[in-house]
Amino acid sequence: MKAKPTMTRTTAWPEPQKMRLPERIGAAGNTIAAIELSVHVAGEGPAVVLSHGFPELAYSWRHQVQPLVEAGFRVIVPDQRGYGASDSPASIVEFDLEHLTSDLVGILDRLKIEHAVFVGHDWGGQISWAMPLLYPDRTAGSIGVNTPYLAFPGTDVLRLAFKDPDKLYLLWFQQPGVAEAVMDRQVRACFDLLMRRAEKPDRASILTAGAGMDEVDVNPFRRLAETEPIGKPLLDDVEMNTYVQAFEATGFRGGINWYRNLDRNRELFPEIGVQKLDLPCLMVTAEWDLALTPALAEGMPSICSDLEIQMIAECGHWTQQEKPDELNAILIDWLKRRCL
């Protein structure tokens, strides 16, 4: 008889609340249309906002919420625009960093919170590092989980390394509708392939390897059926079904549209990854993350005046879910020292 699946640890996961954010002006002066977001809020104390990456949900932070609440913090975790129960606008430009950062400020306004520490993983890390530059008065600190503070390469740079754009998922994502046509039909296969515990990598990061990558194929999304998963499954049945059901309902379009703003983000905010940050910063790297290697954070001390770097050993890309206890200890120690 098949055993009933259980969660990997006891987790107090707050019910989401729908927040309607009114029309407002973004950091670059553009009008941000009203939007409704699904947001999980718990605890009292200094505010900590947790931003997820691709293809994830607020649920990706389920192991962090209760420990942070018990440590004395008010924890705010949105399904960001395009994900889960939050709205997913039709326009691609409504997924640029101006909109994504404005959403977090809008949430603070709704909750009557003056400022917060922003924590981001994967794409969410791009948001957490943008916040002190675009909204310095609302940002008490920035934390990157796997994602370092650096200028992300534009599509022009990526095309120099990959003459066949289909071989790099970031470039394959650029044409509207192409990736969705493949991935939306194979949601479970996508998460079964991606959500794996890391094994020690034997090749360089796609972001640091440079030119000469013509023969390398780092786009598993277009060949899900024939790609062999690497590593042990990360999620139990309950967790897997949570992701699958959410993305079967929404598709991947919203999250992929974040990638379609790579060049627009550089045009709007060329200072991100270049301008020095003068606020408390924490960078948490993962030793075995193949896409966002610890080496990518090596230049951060020169552009962050108040920085701590911690590495989690033998951890892959999905840090919050793969090594939650280690990550929680690092976050709580830093937040208590810097924010309480």
C-alpha atoms as a PDB file:
ATOM      1  CA  MET A   1       0.000   0.000   0.000  1.00  0.00           C
ATOM      2  CA  LYS A   2       1.411   3.371  -0.982  1.00  0.00           C
ATOM      3  CA  ALA A   3       2.258   5.557   1.999  1.00  0.00           C
ATOM      4  CA  LYS A   4       0.409   8.819   2.380  1.00  0.00           C
ATOM      5  CA  PRO A   5       2.723  11.686   1.364  1.00  0.00           C
ATOM      6  CA  THR A   6       3.798  14.075   4.081  1.00  0.00           C
ATOM      7  CA  MET A   7       5.396  17.503   4.129  1.00  0.00           C
ATOM      8  CA  THR A   8       9.134  17.556   4.689  1.00  0.00           C
ATOM      9  CA  ARG A   9       8.670  19.513   7.967  1.00  0.00           C
ATOM     10  CA  THR A  10       5.907  21.070  10.021  1.00  0.00           C
ATOM     11  CA  THR A  11       5.118  24.403   8.454  1.00  0.00           C
ATOM     12  CA  ALA A  12       2.634  27.120   9.434  1.00  0.00           C
ATOM     13  CA  TRP A  13       1.641  28.427   6.021  1.00  0.00           C
ATOM     14  CA  PRO A  14      -0.708  31.449   6.268  1.00  0.00           C
ATOM     15  CA  GLU A  15      -3.767  31.667   4.069  1.00  0.00           C
ATOM     16  CA  PRO A  16      -3.329  34.192   1.239  1.00  0.00           C
ATOM     17  CA  GLN A  17      -5.172  37.471   1.090  1.00  0.00           C
ATOM     18  CA  LYS A  18      -6.101  39.266  -2.107  1.00  0.00           C
ATOM     19  CA  MET A  19      -4.632  42.765  -2.324  1.00  0.00           C
ATOM     20  CA  ARG A  20      -5.838  45.231  -4.924  1.00  0.00           C
ATOM     21  CA  LEU A  21      -3.047  47.683  -5.677  1.00  0.00           C
ATOM     22  CA  PRO A  22      -4.267  50.940  -7.260  1.00  0.00           C
ATOM     23  CA  GLU A  23      -2.839  52.629 -10.319  1.00  0.00           C
ATOM     24  CA  ARG A  24       0.436  54.337  -9.473  1.00  0.00           C
ATOM     25  CA  ILE A  25       3.637  55.787 -10.967  1.00  0.00           C
ATOM     26  CA  GLY A  26       6.693  53.544 -11.138  1.00  0.00           C
ATOM     27  CA  ALA A  27      10.342  54.314 -10.460  1.00  0.00           C
ATOM     28  CA  ALA A  28      11.003  55.219 -14.114  1.00  0.00           C
ATOM     29  CA  GLY A  29       7.953  57.503 -14.297  1.00  0.00           C
ATOM     30  CA  ASN A  30       5.650  55.120 -16.150  1.00  0.00           C
ATOM     31  CA  THR A  31       2.061  54.437 -15.115  1.00  0.00           C
ATOM     32  CA  ILE A  32       1.598  51.119 -13.326  1.00  0.00           C
ATOM     33  CA  ALA A  33      -1.944  49.844 -13.854  1.00  0.00           C
ATOM     34  CA  ALA A  34      -3.999  48.548 -10.946  1.00  0.00           C
ATOM     35  CA  ILE A  35      -3.438  44.877 -10.180  1.00  0.00           C
ATOM     36  CA  GLU A  36      -4.636  42.243  -7.718  1.00  0.00           C
ATOM     37  CA  LEU A  37      -2.010  40.106  -6.015  1.00  0.00           C
ATOM     38  CA  SER A  38      -2.273  37.090  -3.745  1.00  0.00           C
ATOM     39  CA  VAL A  39      -0.139  37.694  -0.641  1.00  0.00           C
ATOM     40  CA  HIS A  40       0.661  35.601   2.439  1.00  0.00           C
ATOM     41  CA  VAL A  41       1.269  37.665   5.594  1.00  0.00           C
ATOM     42  CA  ALA A  42       2.204  36.426   9.065  1.00  0.00           C
ATOM     43  CA  GLY A  43       3.836  37.644  12.261  1.00  0.00           C
ATOM     44  CA  GLU A  44       4.703  40.947  13.899  1.00  0.00           C
ATOM     45  CA  GLY A  45       7.882  42.977  13.960  1.00  0.00           C
ATOM     46  CA  PRO A  46      10.260  44.312  11.296  1.00  0.00           C
ATOM     47  CA  ALA A  47       8.999  43.440   7.828  1.00  0.00           C
ATOM     48  CA  VAL A  48      10.703  40.883   5.590  1.00  0.00           C
ATOM     49  CA  VAL A  49       9.455  40.447   2.025  1.00  0.00           C
ATOM     50  CA  LEU A  50      10.252  37.142   0.284  1.00  0.00           C
ATOM     51  CA  SER A  51      10.317  37.168  -3.545  1.00  0.00           C
ATOM     52  CA  HIS A  52      10.265  33.901  -5.470  1.00  0.00           C
ATOM     53  CA  GLY A  53      11.826  33.065  -8.823  1.00  0.00           C
ATOM     54  CA  PHE A  54      10.967  31.033 -11.950  1.00  0.00           C
ATOM     55  CA  PRO A  55       9.086  28.772 -12.181  1.00  0.00           C
ATOM     56  CA  GLU A  56       7.986  29.043  -8.592  1.00  0.00           C
ATOM     57  CA  LEU A  57       5.338  30.458  -6.273  1.00  0.00           C
ATOM     58  CA  ALA A  58       5.087  32.095  -2.867  1.00  0.00           C
ATOM     59  CA  TYR A  59       4.815  28.459  -1.743  1.00  0.00           C
ATOM     60  CA  SER A  60       8.546  28.062  -2.431  1.00  0.00           C
ATOM     61  CA  TRP A  61       9.166  29.965   0.831  1.00  0.00           C
ATOM     62  CA  ARG A  62       6.897  27.716   2.940  1.00  0.00           C
ATOM     63  CA  HIS A  63       9.815  26.488   5.079  1.00  0.00           C
ATOM     64  CA  GLN A  64      10.990  30.011   5.911  1.00  0.00           C
ATOM     65  CA  VAL A  65       7.769  31.666   7.101  1.00  0.00           C
ATOM     66  CA  GLN A  66       7.228  30.128  10.531  1.00  0.00           C
ATOM     67  CA  PRO A  67      10.914  30.256  11.611  1.00  0.00           C
ATOM     68  CA  LEU A  68      11.059  33.941  10.645  1.00  0.00           C
ATOM     69  CA  VAL A  69       7.807  34.677  12.456  1.00  0.00           C
ATOM     70  CA  GLU A  70       9.056  32.905  15.586  1.00  0.00           C
ATOM     71  CA  ALA A  71      12.274  34.936  15.348  1.00  0.00           C
ATOM     72  CA  GLY A  72      10.256  38.160  15.613  1.00  0.00           C
ATOM     73  CA  PHE A  73       9.587  39.263  12.053  1.00  0.00           C
ATOM     74  CA  ARG A  74       6.534  40.130   9.984  1.00  0.00           C
ATOM     75  CA  VAL A  75       6.803  37.996   6.872  1.00  0.00           C
ATOM     76  CA  ILE A  76       5.226  38.974   3.548  1.00  0.00           C
ATOM     77  CA  VAL A  77       5.235  36.492   0.663  1.00  0.00           C
ATOM     78  CA  PRO A  78       3.439  37.317  -2.601  1.00  0.00           C
ATOM     79  CA  ASP A  79       2.604  35.224  -5.596  1.00  0.00           C
ATOM     80  CA  GLN A  80       4.171  37.822  -7.858  1.00  0.00           C
ATOM     81  CA  ARG A  81       2.433  39.100 -10.961  1.00  0.00           C
ATOM     82  CA  GLY A  82       2.004  36.349 -13.518  1.00  0.00           C
ATOM     83  CA  TYR A  83       2.103  33.580 -10.922  1.00  0.00           C
ATOM     84  CA  GLY A  84      -0.411  31.525  -8.959  1.00  0.00           C
ATOM     85  CA  ALA A  85      -3.497  33.378  -7.793  1.00  0.00           C
ATOM     86  CA  SER A  86      -2.139  36.834  -8.714  1.00  0.00           C
ATOM     87  CA  ASP A  87      -3.146  38.706 -11.856  1.00  0.00           C
ATOM     88  CA  SER A  88      -1.206  38.158 -15.065  1.00  0.00           C
ATOM     89  CA  PRO A  89      -1.454  41.204 -17.360  1.00  0.00           C
ATOM     90  CA  ALA A  90      -1.547  40.714 -21.130  1.00  0.00           C
ATOM     91  CA  SER A  91       1.239  43.176 -21.954  1.00  0.00           C
ATOM     92  CA  ILE A  92       4.838  41.944 -21.842  1.00  0.00           C
ATOM     93  CA  VAL A  93       6.181  45.303 -20.612  1.00  0.00           C
ATOM     94  CA  GLU A  94       4.006  44.979 -17.509  1.00  0.00           C
ATOM     95  CA  PHE A  95       6.504  42.387 -16.263  1.00  0.00           C
ATOM     96  CA  ASP A  96       9.558  44.652 -16.239  1.00  0.00           C
ATOM     97  CA  LEU A  97      11.447  45.592 -13.075  1.00  0.00           C
ATOM     98  CA  GLU A  98       9.593  48.874 -12.806  1.00  0.00           C
ATOM     99  CA  HIS A  99       6.319  46.969 -12.378  1.00  0.00           C
ATOM    100  CA  LEU A 100       7.770  44.195 -10.193  1.00  0.00           C
ATOM    101  CA  THR A 101       9.418  46.567  -7.717  1.00  0.00           C
ATOM    102  CA  SER A 102       6.352  48.824  -7.662  1.00  0.00           C
ATOM    103  CA  ASP A 103       4.227  45.816  -6.694  1.00  0.00           C
ATOM    104  CA  LEU A 104       6.288  45.252  -3.552  1.00  0.00           C
ATOM    105  CA  VAL A 105       6.028  48.907  -2.575  1.00  0.00           C
ATOM    106  CA  GLY A 106       2.292  48.736  -3.219  1.00  0.00           C
ATOM    107  CA  ILE A 107       2.027  45.788  -0.825  1.00  0.00           C
ATOM    108  CA  LEU A 108       3.909  47.735   1.860  1.00  0.00           C
ATOM    109  CA  ASP A 109       1.530  50.665   1.338  1.00  0.00           C
ATOM    110  CA  ARG A 110      -1.526  48.422   1.729  1.00  0.00           C
ATOM    111  CA  LEU A 111      -0.101  47.016   4.969  1.00  0.00           C
ATOM    112  CA  LYS A 112       0.966  50.491   6.183  1.00  0.00           C
ATOM    113  CA  ILE A 113       4.608  49.433   6.444  1.00  0.00           C
ATOM    114  CA  GLU A 114       7.276  52.100   5.973  1.00  0.00           C
ATOM    115  CA  HIS A 115      10.202  49.876   4.961  1.00  0.00           C
ATOM    116  CA  ALA A 116      11.282  46.236   4.767  1.00  0.00           C
ATOM    117  CA  VAL A 117      14.184  43.923   4.146  1.00  0.00           C
ATOM    118  CA  PHE A 118      13.760  42.379   0.713  1.00  0.00           C
ATOM    119  CA  VAL A 119      14.864  38.781   0.168  1.00  0.00           C
ATOM    120  CA  GLY A 120      14.907  37.320  -3.332  1.00  0.00           C
ATOM    121  CA  HIS A 121      15.745  33.986  -4.906  1.00  0.00           C
ATOM    122  CA  ASP A 122      16.453  33.445  -8.611  1.00  0.00           C
ATOM    123  CA  TRP A 123      14.487  36.158 -10.481  1.00  0.00           C
ATOM    124  CA  GLY A 124      13.259  37.419  -7.131  1.00  0.00           C
ATOM    125  CA  GLY A 125      16.881  38.245  -6.379  1.00  0.00           C
ATOM    126  CA  GLN A 126      16.906  40.710  -9.253  1.00  0.00           C
ATOM    127  CA  ILE A 127      14.033  42.476  -7.501  1.00  0.00           C
ATOM    128  CA  SER A 128      15.636  42.466  -4.058  1.00  0.00           C
ATOM    129  CA  TRP A 129      18.820  44.033  -5.467  1.00  0.00           C
ATOM    130  CA  ALA A 130      16.856  46.618  -7.471  1.00  0.00           C
ATOM    131  CA  MET A 131      14.827  47.798  -4.467  1.00  0.00           C
ATOM    132  CA  PRO A 132      17.564  49.864  -2.723  1.00  0.00           C
ATOM    133  CA  LEU A 133      18.306  51.720  -5.956  1.00  0.00           C
ATOM    134  CA  LEU A 134      14.714  52.350  -7.030  1.00  0.00           C
ATOM    135  CA  TYR A 135      13.142  52.723  -3.573  1.00  0.00           C
ATOM    136  CA  PRO A 136      15.922  53.504  -1.085  1.00  0.00           C
ATOM    137  CA  ASP A 137      13.562  55.008   1.496  1.00  0.00           C
ATOM    138  CA  ARG A 138      11.524  51.789   1.588  1.00  0.00           C
ATOM    139  CA  THR A 139      14.467  49.368   1.760  1.00  0.00           C
ATOM    140  CA  ALA A 140      16.050  48.502   5.105  1.00  0.00           C
ATOM    141  CA  GLY A 141      18.260  45.781   3.658  1.00  0.00           C
ATOM    142  CA  SER A 142      18.684  43.475   0.673  1.00  0.00           C
ATOM    143  CA  ILE A 143      19.330  39.744   0.608  1.00  0.00           C
ATOM    144  CA  GLY A 144      20.099  37.645  -2.444  1.00  0.00           C
ATOM    145  CA  VAL A 145      19.600  33.888  -2.270  1.00  0.00           C
ATOM    146  CA  ASN A 146      21.699  32.362  -5.080  1.00  0.00           C
ATOM    147  CA  THR A 147      21.231  35.547  -7.155  1.00  0.00           C
ATOM    148  CA  PRO A 148      24.119  38.029  -6.783  1.00  0.00           C
ATOM    149  CA  TYR A 149      24.067  41.755  -7.308  1.00  0.00           C
ATOM    150  CA  LEU A 150      25.457  42.186 -10.797  1.00  0.00           C
ATOM    151  CA  ALA A 151      24.486  43.545 -14.183  1.00  0.00           C
ATOM    152  CA  PHE A 152      22.622  40.746 -15.880  1.00  0.00           C
ATOM    153  CA  PRO A 153      23.693  40.158 -19.501  1.00  0.00           C
ATOM    154  CA  GLY A 154      21.377  41.375 -22.244  1.00  0.00           C
ATOM    155  CA  THR A 155      20.249  39.253 -25.157  1.00  0.00           C
ATOM    156  CA  ASP A 156      22.985  40.757 -27.352  1.00  0.00           C
ATOM    157  CA  VAL A 157      25.684  39.312 -25.080  1.00  0.00           C
ATOM    158  CA  LEU A 158      23.914  35.966 -24.808  1.00  0.00           C
ATOM    159  CA  ARG A 159      23.645  35.693 -28.603  1.00  0.00           C
ATOM    160  CA  LEU A 160      27.394  36.089 -28.918  1.00  0.00           C
ATOM    161  CA  ALA A 161      27.849  32.961 -26.812  1.00  0.00           C
ATOM    162  CA  PHE A 162      24.960  30.994 -28.347  1.00  0.00           C
ATOM    163  CA  LYS A 163      24.747  31.243 -32.112  1.00  0.00           C
ATOM    164  CA  ASP A 164      21.719  28.928 -31.998  1.00  0.00           C
ATOM    165  CA  PRO A 165      19.330  30.760 -29.639  1.00  0.00           C
ATOM    166  CA  ASP A 166      17.213  27.649 -29.169  1.00  0.00           C
ATOM    167  CA  LYS A 167      20.082  26.107 -27.191  1.00  0.00           C
ATOM    168  CA  LEU A 168      19.804  28.676 -24.395  1.00  0.00           C
ATOM    169  CA  TYR A 169      16.447  28.853 -22.635  1.00  0.00           C
ATOM    170  CA  LEU A 170      16.776  32.587 -21.913  1.00  0.00           C
ATOM    171  CA  LEU A 171      16.916  33.259 -25.670  1.00  0.00           C
ATOM    172  CA  TRP A 172      14.322  30.621 -26.560  1.00  0.00           C
ATOM    173  CA  PHE A 173      11.953  32.365 -24.156  1.00  0.00           C
ATOM    174  CA  GLN A 174      12.153  35.664 -26.071  1.00  0.00           C
ATOM    175  CA  GLN A 175       9.633  34.824 -28.835  1.00  0.00           C
ATOM    176  CA  PRO A 176       6.101  35.104 -27.403  1.00  0.00           C
ATOM    177  CA  GLY A 177       4.120  31.890 -27.472  1.00  0.00           C
ATOM    178  CA  VAL A 178       6.943  29.538 -28.450  1.00  0.00           C
ATOM    179  CA  ALA A 179       7.946  28.272 -25.020  1.00  0.00           C
ATOM    180  CA  GLU A 180       4.371  28.303 -23.750  1.00  0.00           C
ATOM    181  CA  ALA A 181       3.247  26.037 -26.584  1.00  0.00           C
ATOM    182  CA  VAL A 182       5.691  23.391 -25.380  1.00  0.00           C
ATOM    183  CA  MET A 183       5.739  23.838 -21.611  1.00  0.00           C
ATOM    184  CA  ASP A 184       2.042  24.395 -20.932  1.00  0.00           C
ATOM    185  CA  ARG A 185       1.313  20.920 -22.326  1.00  0.00           C
ATOM    186  CA  GLN A 186       3.919  19.257 -20.084  1.00  0.00           C
ATOM    187  CA  VAL A 187       3.677  20.932 -16.697  1.00  0.00           C
ATOM    188  CA  ARG A 188       4.326  17.847 -14.585  1.00  0.00           C
ATOM    189  CA  ALA A 189       7.265  16.800 -16.766  1.00  0.00           C
ATOM    190  CA  CYS A 190       8.729  20.285 -16.384  1.00  0.00           C
ATOM    191  CA  PHE A 191       8.649  20.203 -12.584  1.00  0.00           C
ATOM    192  CA  ASP A 192       9.794  16.599 -12.453  1.00  0.00           C
ATOM    193  CA  LEU A 193      12.860  17.598 -14.465  1.00  0.00           C
ATOM    194  CA  LEU A 194      13.641  20.818 -12.597  1.00  0.00           C
ATOM    195  CA  MET A 195      12.828  20.142  -8.966  1.00  0.00           C
ATOM    196  CA  ARG A 196      15.718  17.829  -8.129  1.00  0.00           C
ATOM    197  CA  ARG A 197      18.318  17.753  -5.390  1.00  0.00           C
ATOM    198  CA  ALA A 198      21.667  18.889  -6.674  1.00  0.00           C
ATOM    199  CA  GLU A 199      24.614  16.684  -7.475  1.00  0.00           C
ATOM    200  CA  LYS A 200      28.165  17.977  -7.598  1.00  0.00           C
ATOM    201  CA  PRO A 201      28.451  19.841 -10.920  1.00  0.00           C
ATOM    202  CA  ASP A 202      31.091  18.925 -13.473  1.00  0.00           C
ATOM    203  CA  ARG A 203      30.753  21.841 -15.854  1.00  0.00           C
ATOM    204  CA  ALA A 204      30.927  25.637 -15.731  1.00  0.00           C
ATOM    205  CA  SER A 205      28.043  28.000 -15.218  1.00  0.00           C
ATOM    206  CA  ILE A 206      26.326  29.126 -18.421  1.00  0.00           C
ATOM    207  CA  LEU A 207      26.788  32.716 -17.230  1.00  0.00           C
ATOM    208  CA  THR A 208      30.550  32.456 -16.710  1.00  0.00           C
ATOM    209  CA  ALA A 209      31.642  30.124 -19.487  1.00  0.00           C
ATOM    210  CA  GLY A 210      31.851  32.904 -22.060  1.00  0.00           C
ATOM    211  CA  ALA A 211      32.050  32.355 -25.809  1.00  0.00           C
ATOM    212  CA  GLY A 212      32.565  28.991 -27.473  1.00  0.00           C
ATOM    213  CA  MET A 213      29.287  27.590 -26.181  1.00  0.00           C
ATOM    214  CA  ASP A 214      27.870  26.778 -29.629  1.00  0.00           C
ATOM    215  CA  GLU A 215      27.724  23.040 -29.022  1.00  0.00           C
ATOM    216  CA  VAL A 216      26.303  23.256 -25.511  1.00  0.00           C
ATOM    217  CA  ASP A 217      22.543  22.871 -25.123  1.00  0.00           C
ATOM    218  CA  VAL A 218      21.199  24.442 -21.933  1.00  0.00           C
ATOM    219  CA  ASN A 219      17.545  24.464 -22.855  1.00  0.00           C
ATOM    220  CA  PRO A 220      15.879  21.401 -21.349  1.00  0.00           C
ATOM    221  CA  PHE A 221      12.433  23.002 -21.652  1.00  0.00           C
ATOM    222  CA  ARG A 222      12.091  22.345 -25.389  1.00  0.00           C
ATOM    223  CA  ARG A 223      12.995  18.656 -25.059  1.00  0.00           C
ATOM    224  CA  LEU A 224      11.284  17.638 -21.837  1.00  0.00           C
ATOM    225  CA  ALA A 225      10.296  14.177 -23.042  1.00  0.00           C
ATOM    226  CA  GLU A 226      13.830  13.053 -23.871  1.00  0.00           C
ATOM    227  CA  THR A 227      15.791  14.808 -21.111  1.00  0.00           C
ATOM    228  CA  GLU A 228      16.899  12.500 -18.310  1.00  0.00           C
ATOM    229  CA  PRO A 229      16.413  14.027 -14.833  1.00  0.00           C
ATOM    230  CA  ILE A 230      19.564  14.431 -12.726  1.00  0.00           C
ATOM    231  CA  GLY A 231      19.480  14.058  -8.961  1.00  0.00           C
ATOM    232  CA  LYS A 232      16.908  12.772  -6.516  1.00  0.00           C
ATOM    233  CA  PRO A 233      13.410  14.290  -6.476  1.00  0.00           C
ATOM    234  CA  LEU A 234      13.182  17.350  -4.254  1.00  0.00           C
ATOM    235  CA  LEU A 235       9.414  17.430  -3.735  1.00  0.00           C
ATOM    236  CA  ASP A 236       7.005  14.955  -2.198  1.00  0.00           C
ATOM    237  CA  ASP A 237       3.645  14.240  -3.843  1.00  0.00           C
ATOM    238  CA  VAL A 238       1.801  17.011  -2.019  1.00  0.00           C
ATOM    239  CA  GLU A 239       4.412  19.600  -2.910  1.00  0.00           C
ATOM    240  CA  MET A 240       4.668  18.478  -6.533  1.00  0.00           C
ATOM    241  CA  ASN A 241       0.899  18.622  -6.957  1.00  0.00           C
ATOM    242  CA  THR A 242       0.820  22.150  -5.538  1.00  0.00           C
ATOM    243  CA  TYR A 243       3.135  23.395  -8.281  1.00  0.00           C
ATOM    244  CA  VAL A 244       1.576  21.337 -11.046  1.00  0.00           C
ATOM    245  CA  GLN A 245      -1.985  22.383 -10.274  1.00  0.00           C
ATOM    246  CA  ALA A 246      -0.996  26.062 -10.069  1.00  0.00           C
ATOM    247  CA  PHE A 247       0.831  26.084 -13.416  1.00  0.00           C
ATOM    248  CA  GLU A 248      -1.750  23.932 -15.156  1.00  0.00           C
ATOM    249  CA  ALA A 249      -4.225  26.674 -14.239  1.00  0.00           C
ATOM    250  CA  THR A 250      -2.071  29.647 -15.285  1.00  0.00           C
ATOM    251  CA  GLY A 251       0.455  28.324 -17.767  1.00  0.00           C
ATOM    252  CA  PHE A 252       4.018  29.647 -17.842  1.00  0.00           C
ATOM    253  CA  ARG A 253       3.405  32.865 -19.818  1.00  0.00           C
ATOM    254  CA  GLY A 254       3.538  35.260 -16.868  1.00  0.00           C
ATOM    255  CA  GLY A 255       6.846  33.988 -15.541  1.00  0.00           C
ATOM    256  CA  ILE A 256       8.417  33.756 -18.985  1.00  0.00           C
ATOM    257  CA  ASN A 257       7.455  37.378 -19.635  1.00  0.00           C
ATOM    258  CA  TRP A 258       9.930  38.382 -16.920  1.00  0.00           C
ATOM    259  CA  TYR A 259      12.681  37.074 -19.238  1.00  0.00           C
ATOM    260  CA  ARG A 260      11.246  39.017 -22.168  1.00  0.00           C
ATOM    261  CA  ASN A 261      12.174  42.225 -20.361  1.00  0.00           C
ATOM    262  CA  LEU A 262      15.914  41.545 -20.051  1.00  0.00           C
ATOM    263  CA  ASP A 263      16.825  44.292 -22.505  1.00  0.00           C
ATOM    264  CA  ARG A 264      14.095  46.664 -21.324  1.00  0.00           C
ATOM    265  CA  ASN A 265      15.307  46.386 -17.736  1.00  0.00           C
ATOM    266  CA  ARG A 266      18.838  47.315 -18.792  1.00  0.00           C
ATOM    267  CA  GLU A 267      17.484  50.269 -20.750  1.00  0.00           C
ATOM    268  CA  LEU A 268      15.297  51.526 -17.897  1.00  0.00           C
ATOM    269  CA  PHE A 269      17.778  50.931 -15.077  1.00  0.00           C
ATOM    270  CA  PRO A 270      21.388  50.685 -16.318  1.00  0.00           C
ATOM    271  CA  GLU A 271      22.613  51.439 -12.793  1.00  0.00           C
ATOM    272  CA  ILE A 272      21.489  48.066 -11.419  1.00  0.00           C
ATOM    273  CA  GLY A 273      24.521  45.863 -10.851  1.00  0.00           C
ATOM    274  CA  VAL A 274      26.849  48.816 -11.365  1.00  0.00           C
ATOM    275  CA  GLN A 275      25.976  51.483  -8.802  1.00  0.00           C
ATOM    276  CA  LYS A 276      27.362  50.898  -5.333  1.00  0.00           C
ATOM    277  CA  LEU A 277      24.907  49.818  -2.643  1.00  0.00           C
ATOM    278  CA  ASP A 278      25.234  51.597   0.720  1.00  0.00           C
ATOM    279  CA  LEU A 279      22.903  49.589   2.951  1.00  0.00           C
ATOM    280  CA  PRO A 280      23.108  46.277   4.814  1.00  0.00           C
ATOM    281  CA  CYS A 281      23.364  43.426   2.296  1.00  0.00           C
ATOM    282  CA  LEU A 282      23.542  39.656   2.622  1.00  0.00           C
ATOM    283  CA  MET A 283      24.472  37.272  -0.171  1.00  0.00           C
ATOM    284  CA  VAL A 284      23.705  33.572   0.303  1.00  0.00           C
ATOM    285  CA  THR A 285      25.366  31.381  -2.308  1.00  0.00           C
ATOM    286  CA  ALA A 286      24.807  27.681  -3.009  1.00  0.00           C
ATOM    287  CA  GLU A 287      27.910  25.590  -3.661  1.00  0.00           C
ATOM    288  CA  TRP A 288      26.363  23.349  -6.329  1.00  0.00           C
ATOM    289  CA  ASP A 289      24.122  25.819  -8.165  1.00  0.00           C
ATOM    290  CA  LEU A 290      25.099  25.392 -11.806  1.00  0.00           C
ATOM    291  CA  ALA A 291      23.323  28.489 -13.155  1.00  0.00           C
ATOM    292  CA  LEU A 292      24.135  30.924 -10.339  1.00  0.00           C
ATOM    293  CA  THR A 293      27.499  29.782  -9.044  1.00  0.00           C
ATOM    294  CA  PRO A 294      29.171  31.307  -5.961  1.00  0.00           C
ATOM    295  CA  ALA A 295      31.835  32.707  -8.299  1.00  0.00           C
ATOM    296  CA  LEU A 296      29.307  35.177  -9.668  1.00  0.00           C
ATOM    297  CA  ALA A 297      29.229  36.928  -6.280  1.00  0.00           C
ATOM    298  CA  GLU A 298      32.990  37.448  -6.042  1.00  0.00           C
ATOM    299  CA  GLY A 299      32.811  41.028  -7.290  1.00  0.00           C
ATOM    300  CA  MET A 300      30.128  42.118  -4.848  1.00  0.00           C
ATOM    301  CA  PRO A 301      32.447  43.397  -2.067  1.00  0.00           C
ATOM    302  CA  SER A 302      33.629  46.171  -4.383  1.00  0.00           C
ATOM    303  CA  ILE A 303      30.085  47.436  -5.031  1.00  0.00           C
ATOM    304  CA  CYS A 304      28.408  46.750  -1.667  1.00  0.00           C
ATOM    305  CA  SER A 305      29.724  48.813   1.250  1.00  0.00           C
ATOM    306  CA  ASP A 306      28.093  46.678   3.964  1.00  0.00           C
ATOM    307  CA  LEU A 307      28.087  43.066   2.765  1.00  0.00           C
ATOM    308  CA  GLU A 308      28.191  39.604   4.272  1.00  0.00           C
ATOM    309  CA  ILE A 309      28.523  36.487   2.110  1.00  0.00           C
ATOM    310  CA  GLN A 310      27.578  33.029   3.310  1.00  0.00           C
ATOM    311  CA  MET A 311      27.753  29.815   1.270  1.00  0.00           C
ATOM    312  CA  ILE A 312      25.572  26.754   1.836  1.00  0.00           C
ATOM    313  CA  ALA A 313      27.585  23.639   1.064  1.00  0.00           C
ATOM    314  CA  GLU A 314      26.367  20.909  -1.290  1.00  0.00           C
ATOM    315  CA  CYS A 315      23.260  22.892  -2.194  1.00  0.00           C
ATOM    316  CA  GLY A 316      21.788  23.417  -5.632  1.00  0.00           C
ATOM    317  CA  HIS A 317      19.513  26.048  -7.116  1.00  0.00           C
ATOM    318  CA  TRP A 318      16.350  25.479  -5.060  1.00  0.00           C
ATOM    319  CA  THR A 319      17.959  26.579  -1.806  1.00  0.00           C
ATOM    320  CA  GLN A 320      14.845  27.400   0.247  1.00  0.00           C
ATOM    321  CA  GLN A 321      13.502  23.919  -0.371  1.00  0.00           C
ATOM    322  CA  GLU A 322      16.710  21.884  -0.572  1.00  0.00           C
ATOM    323  CA  LYS A 323      18.525  23.267   2.483  1.00  0.00           C
ATOM    324  CA  PRO A 324      15.818  25.144   4.423  1.00  0.00           C
ATOM    325  CA  ASP A 325      17.304  24.727   7.885  1.00  0.00           C
ATOM    326  CA  GLU A 326      20.690  26.042   6.781  1.00  0.00           C
ATOM    327  CA  LEU A 327      19.131  28.985   4.961  1.00  0.00           C
ATOM    328  CA  ASN A 328      16.814  29.812   7.857  1.00  0.00           C
ATOM    329  CA  ALA A 329      19.727  29.885  10.300  1.00  0.00           C
ATOM    330  CA  ILE A 330      21.675  32.291   8.071  1.00  0.00           C
ATOM    331  CA  LEU A 331      18.686  34.587   7.465  1.00  0.00           C
ATOM    332  CA  ILE A 332      17.612  34.737  11.103  1.00  0.00           C
ATOM    333  CA  ASP A 333      21.134  35.346  12.407  1.00  0.00           C
ATOM    334  CA  TRP A 334      21.690  38.226   9.975  1.00  0.00           C
ATOM    335  CA  LEU A 335      18.234  39.747  10.422  1.00  0.00           C
ATOM    336  CA  LYS A 336      18.479  39.665  14.215  1.00  0.00           C
ATOM    337  CA  ARG A 337      21.867  41.344  14.146  1.00  0.00           C
ATOM    338  CA  ARG A 338      20.909  43.970  11.580  1.00  0.00           C
ATOM    339  CA  CYS A 339      17.170  44.571  12.033  1.00  0.00           C
ATOM    340  CA  LEU A 340      16.052  43.936  15.632  1.00  0.00           C
END
